[in-house]
Amino acid sequence: VAKDLGIDLTALRQRGVSFVSGGRTQYFALQEQTGHLVTAQRIDREQLCRLAEKCVLRCEVIVEGEM
């Protein structure tokens, strides 16, 4: 995430990062040591998408402060 945003990892940690997905469950998190986007918990495709042929899980990354 830090690399994609063009800021260093220390600055990313200081700003505060949150992830927002469609429901109440937080599926993603930021691995603080590396700045990588990781799954925060198990993602069950059958539970989320049931009979849908294409399963898409959208999420927004919110970084505090000016960019």
N, C-alpha and C. Protein backbone atom coordinates (compact mmCIF):
# COMPACT_ATOMS: atom_id res chain seq x y z
N VAL A 1 0.83 -1.19 0.00
CA VAL A 1 0.00 0.00 0.00
C VAL A 1 0.88 1.25 0.00
N ALA A 2 1.91 1.25 0.85
CA ALA A 2 2.81 2.41 0.91
C ALA A 2 3.45 2.65 -0.46
N LYS A 3 3.92 1.60 -1.09
CA LYS A 3 4.57 1.72 -2.40
C LYS A 3 3.59 2.25 -3.45
N ASP A 4 2.36 1.72 -3.45
CA ASP A 4 1.35 2.16 -4.42
C ASP A 4 0.96 3.62 -4.22
N LEU A 5 0.97 4.08 -2.97
CA LEU A 5 0.62 5.47 -2.69
C LEU A 5 1.81 6.42 -2.86
N GLY A 6 3.01 5.86 -2.97
CA GLY A 6 4.19 6.69 -3.16
C GLY A 6 4.67 7.36 -1.88
N ILE A 7 4.40 6.75 -0.72
CA ILE A 7 4.90 7.28 0.54
C ILE A 7 5.65 6.18 1.28
N ASP A 8 6.55 6.57 2.17
CA ASP A 8 7.32 5.53 2.86
C ASP A 8 6.48 4.91 3.98
N LEU A 9 6.91 3.76 4.43
CA LEU A 9 6.17 2.97 5.40
C LEU A 9 5.99 3.70 6.73
N THR A 10 7.00 4.44 7.17
CA THR A 10 6.91 5.19 8.42
C THR A 10 5.82 6.24 8.33
N ALA A 11 5.76 6.96 7.24
CA ALA A 11 4.73 7.99 7.05
C ALA A 11 3.34 7.35 7.01
N LEU A 12 3.23 6.19 6.40
CA LEU A 12 1.95 5.51 6.33
C LEU A 12 1.47 5.12 7.72
N ARG A 13 2.36 4.60 8.54
CA ARG A 13 2.01 4.23 9.92
C ARG A 13 1.55 5.44 10.73
N GLN A 14 2.23 6.57 10.55
CA GLN A 14 1.91 7.77 11.31
C GLN A 14 0.56 8.38 10.92
N ARG A 15 0.19 8.25 9.69
CA ARG A 15 -1.06 8.85 9.21
C ARG A 15 -2.30 8.11 9.71
N GLY A 16 -2.20 6.81 9.79
CA GLY A 16 -3.37 6.00 10.13
C GLY A 16 -4.06 5.52 8.86
N VAL A 17 -4.31 4.25 8.80
CA VAL A 17 -4.92 3.64 7.63
C VAL A 17 -6.10 2.79 8.08
N SER A 18 -7.20 2.87 7.34
CA SER A 18 -8.33 1.99 7.61
C SER A 18 -8.86 1.45 6.29
N PHE A 19 -9.56 0.33 6.39
CA PHE A 19 -10.11 -0.33 5.22
C PHE A 19 -11.61 -0.45 5.39
N VAL A 20 -12.34 -0.14 4.34
CA VAL A 20 -13.79 -0.21 4.37
C VAL A 20 -14.24 -1.14 3.24
N SER A 21 -15.04 -2.14 3.61
CA SER A 21 -15.62 -3.01 2.60
C SER A 21 -17.14 -2.92 2.70
N GLY A 22 -17.83 -3.58 1.82
CA GLY A 22 -19.28 -3.45 1.71
C GLY A 22 -20.10 -3.74 2.95
N GLY A 23 -19.69 -4.66 3.78
CA GLY A 23 -20.49 -5.03 4.94
C GLY A 23 -19.81 -4.65 6.24
N ARG A 24 -20.24 -5.30 7.31
CA ARG A 24 -19.69 -5.02 8.63
C ARG A 24 -18.35 -5.72 8.85
N THR A 25 -18.11 -6.77 8.12
CA THR A 25 -16.90 -7.57 8.32
C THR A 25 -15.70 -6.90 7.66
N GLN A 26 -14.60 -6.80 8.40
CA GLN A 26 -13.36 -6.26 7.86
C GLN A 26 -12.53 -7.44 7.33
N TYR A 27 -12.45 -7.55 6.03
CA TYR A 27 -11.72 -8.66 5.41
C TYR A 27 -10.24 -8.36 5.19
N PHE A 28 -9.86 -7.09 5.24
CA PHE A 28 -8.49 -6.72 4.93
C PHE A 28 -7.84 -5.93 6.06
N ALA A 29 -6.52 -6.00 6.11
CA ALA A 29 -5.75 -5.25 7.11
C ALA A 29 -4.41 -4.88 6.49
N LEU A 30 -3.72 -3.99 7.16
CA LEU A 30 -2.39 -3.57 6.73
C LEU A 30 -1.36 -4.27 7.62
N GLN A 31 -0.43 -4.98 7.00
CA GLN A 31 0.65 -5.60 7.76
C GLN A 31 1.67 -4.50 8.05
N GLU A 32 1.76 -4.10 9.30
CA GLU A 32 2.54 -2.92 9.67
C GLU A 32 4.03 -3.04 9.36
N GLN A 33 4.60 -4.23 9.47
CA GLN A 33 6.03 -4.40 9.23
C GLN A 33 6.41 -4.19 7.76
N THR A 34 5.50 -4.57 6.85
CA THR A 34 5.84 -4.52 5.43
C THR A 34 5.03 -3.50 4.64
N GLY A 35 3.85 -3.11 5.16
CA GLY A 35 2.98 -2.22 4.41
C GLY A 35 2.12 -2.96 3.40
N HIS A 36 2.10 -4.28 3.45
CA HIS A 36 1.31 -5.09 2.51
C HIS A 36 -0.14 -5.17 2.95
N LEU A 37 -1.02 -5.23 1.98
CA LEU A 37 -2.43 -5.46 2.22
C LEU A 37 -2.62 -6.97 2.38
N VAL A 38 -3.20 -7.40 3.49
CA VAL A 38 -3.38 -8.83 3.76
C VAL A 38 -4.84 -9.09 4.14
N THR A 39 -5.23 -10.36 4.07
CA THR A 39 -6.57 -10.71 4.53
C THR A 39 -6.56 -10.75 6.05
N ALA A 40 -7.57 -10.15 6.66
CA ALA A 40 -7.68 -10.09 8.11
C ALA A 40 -8.33 -11.34 8.67
N GLN A 41 -9.09 -12.02 7.83
CA GLN A 41 -9.75 -13.25 8.23
C GLN A 41 -10.12 -14.06 7.00
N ARG A 42 -10.62 -15.25 7.24
CA ARG A 42 -10.97 -16.15 6.13
C ARG A 42 -12.09 -15.53 5.29
N ILE A 43 -11.95 -15.64 3.97
CA ILE A 43 -12.97 -15.14 3.04
C ILE A 43 -13.64 -16.35 2.40
N ASP A 44 -14.92 -16.53 2.67
CA ASP A 44 -15.68 -17.68 2.18
C ASP A 44 -16.48 -17.26 0.95
N ARG A 45 -16.02 -17.67 -0.22
CA ARG A 45 -16.66 -17.28 -1.47
C ARG A 45 -18.12 -17.71 -1.53
N GLU A 46 -18.41 -18.94 -1.10
CA GLU A 46 -19.78 -19.45 -1.17
C GLU A 46 -20.73 -18.64 -0.28
N GLN A 47 -20.24 -18.19 0.85
CA GLN A 47 -21.07 -17.39 1.74
C GLN A 47 -21.29 -15.99 1.17
N LEU A 48 -20.27 -15.40 0.57
CA LEU A 48 -20.38 -14.03 0.05
C LEU A 48 -21.13 -13.93 -1.26
N CYS A 49 -20.88 -14.86 -2.17
CA CYS A 49 -21.39 -14.71 -3.53
C CYS A 49 -22.42 -15.76 -3.94
N ARG A 50 -22.55 -16.78 -3.16
CA ARG A 50 -23.48 -17.89 -3.41
C ARG A 50 -23.47 -18.34 -4.86
N LEU A 51 -24.46 -17.99 -5.66
CA LEU A 51 -24.59 -18.51 -7.02
C LEU A 51 -24.01 -17.59 -8.09
N ALA A 52 -23.41 -16.50 -7.70
CA ALA A 52 -22.84 -15.57 -8.67
C ALA A 52 -21.64 -16.19 -9.39
N GLU A 53 -21.60 -16.03 -10.70
CA GLU A 53 -20.48 -16.57 -11.47
C GLU A 53 -19.19 -15.81 -11.18
N LYS A 54 -19.31 -14.51 -11.04
CA LYS A 54 -18.15 -13.66 -10.78
C LYS A 54 -18.27 -13.11 -9.36
N CYS A 55 -17.27 -13.33 -8.56
CA CYS A 55 -17.30 -12.88 -7.16
C CYS A 55 -16.27 -11.76 -6.98
N VAL A 56 -16.73 -10.58 -6.59
CA VAL A 56 -15.86 -9.43 -6.41
C VAL A 56 -16.07 -8.90 -5.00
N LEU A 57 -14.98 -8.70 -4.30
CA LEU A 57 -15.04 -8.12 -2.95
C LEU A 57 -14.31 -6.78 -3.00
N ARG A 58 -15.06 -5.72 -2.92
CA ARG A 58 -14.48 -4.38 -3.03
C ARG A 58 -14.10 -3.85 -1.65
N CYS A 59 -13.06 -3.03 -1.65
CA CYS A 59 -12.63 -2.41 -0.40
C CYS A 59 -11.99 -1.07 -0.72
N GLU A 60 -12.13 -0.14 0.19
CA GLU A 60 -11.51 1.18 0.06
C GLU A 60 -10.43 1.32 1.12
N VAL A 61 -9.31 1.93 0.73
CA VAL A 61 -8.24 2.21 1.66
C VAL A 61 -8.31 3.69 2.00
N ILE A 62 -8.46 3.99 3.28
CA ILE A 62 -8.55 5.39 3.72
C ILE A 62 -7.29 5.74 4.49
N VAL A 63 -6.57 6.74 3.99
CA VAL A 63 -5.35 7.20 4.64
C VAL A 63 -5.62 8.61 5.15
N GLU A 64 -5.39 8.80 6.46
CA GLU A 64 -5.62 10.11 7.06
C GLU A 64 -4.54 11.09 6.65
N GLY A 65 -4.89 12.36 6.62
CA GLY A 65 -3.94 13.40 6.27
C GLY A 65 -3.94 13.72 4.80
N GLU A 66 -3.26 14.80 4.44
CA GLU A 66 -3.20 15.23 3.05
C GLU A 66 -2.21 14.38 2.27
N MET A 67 -2.52 14.16 1.01
CA MET A 67 -1.64 13.39 0.13
C MET A 67 -0.93 14.34 -0.81
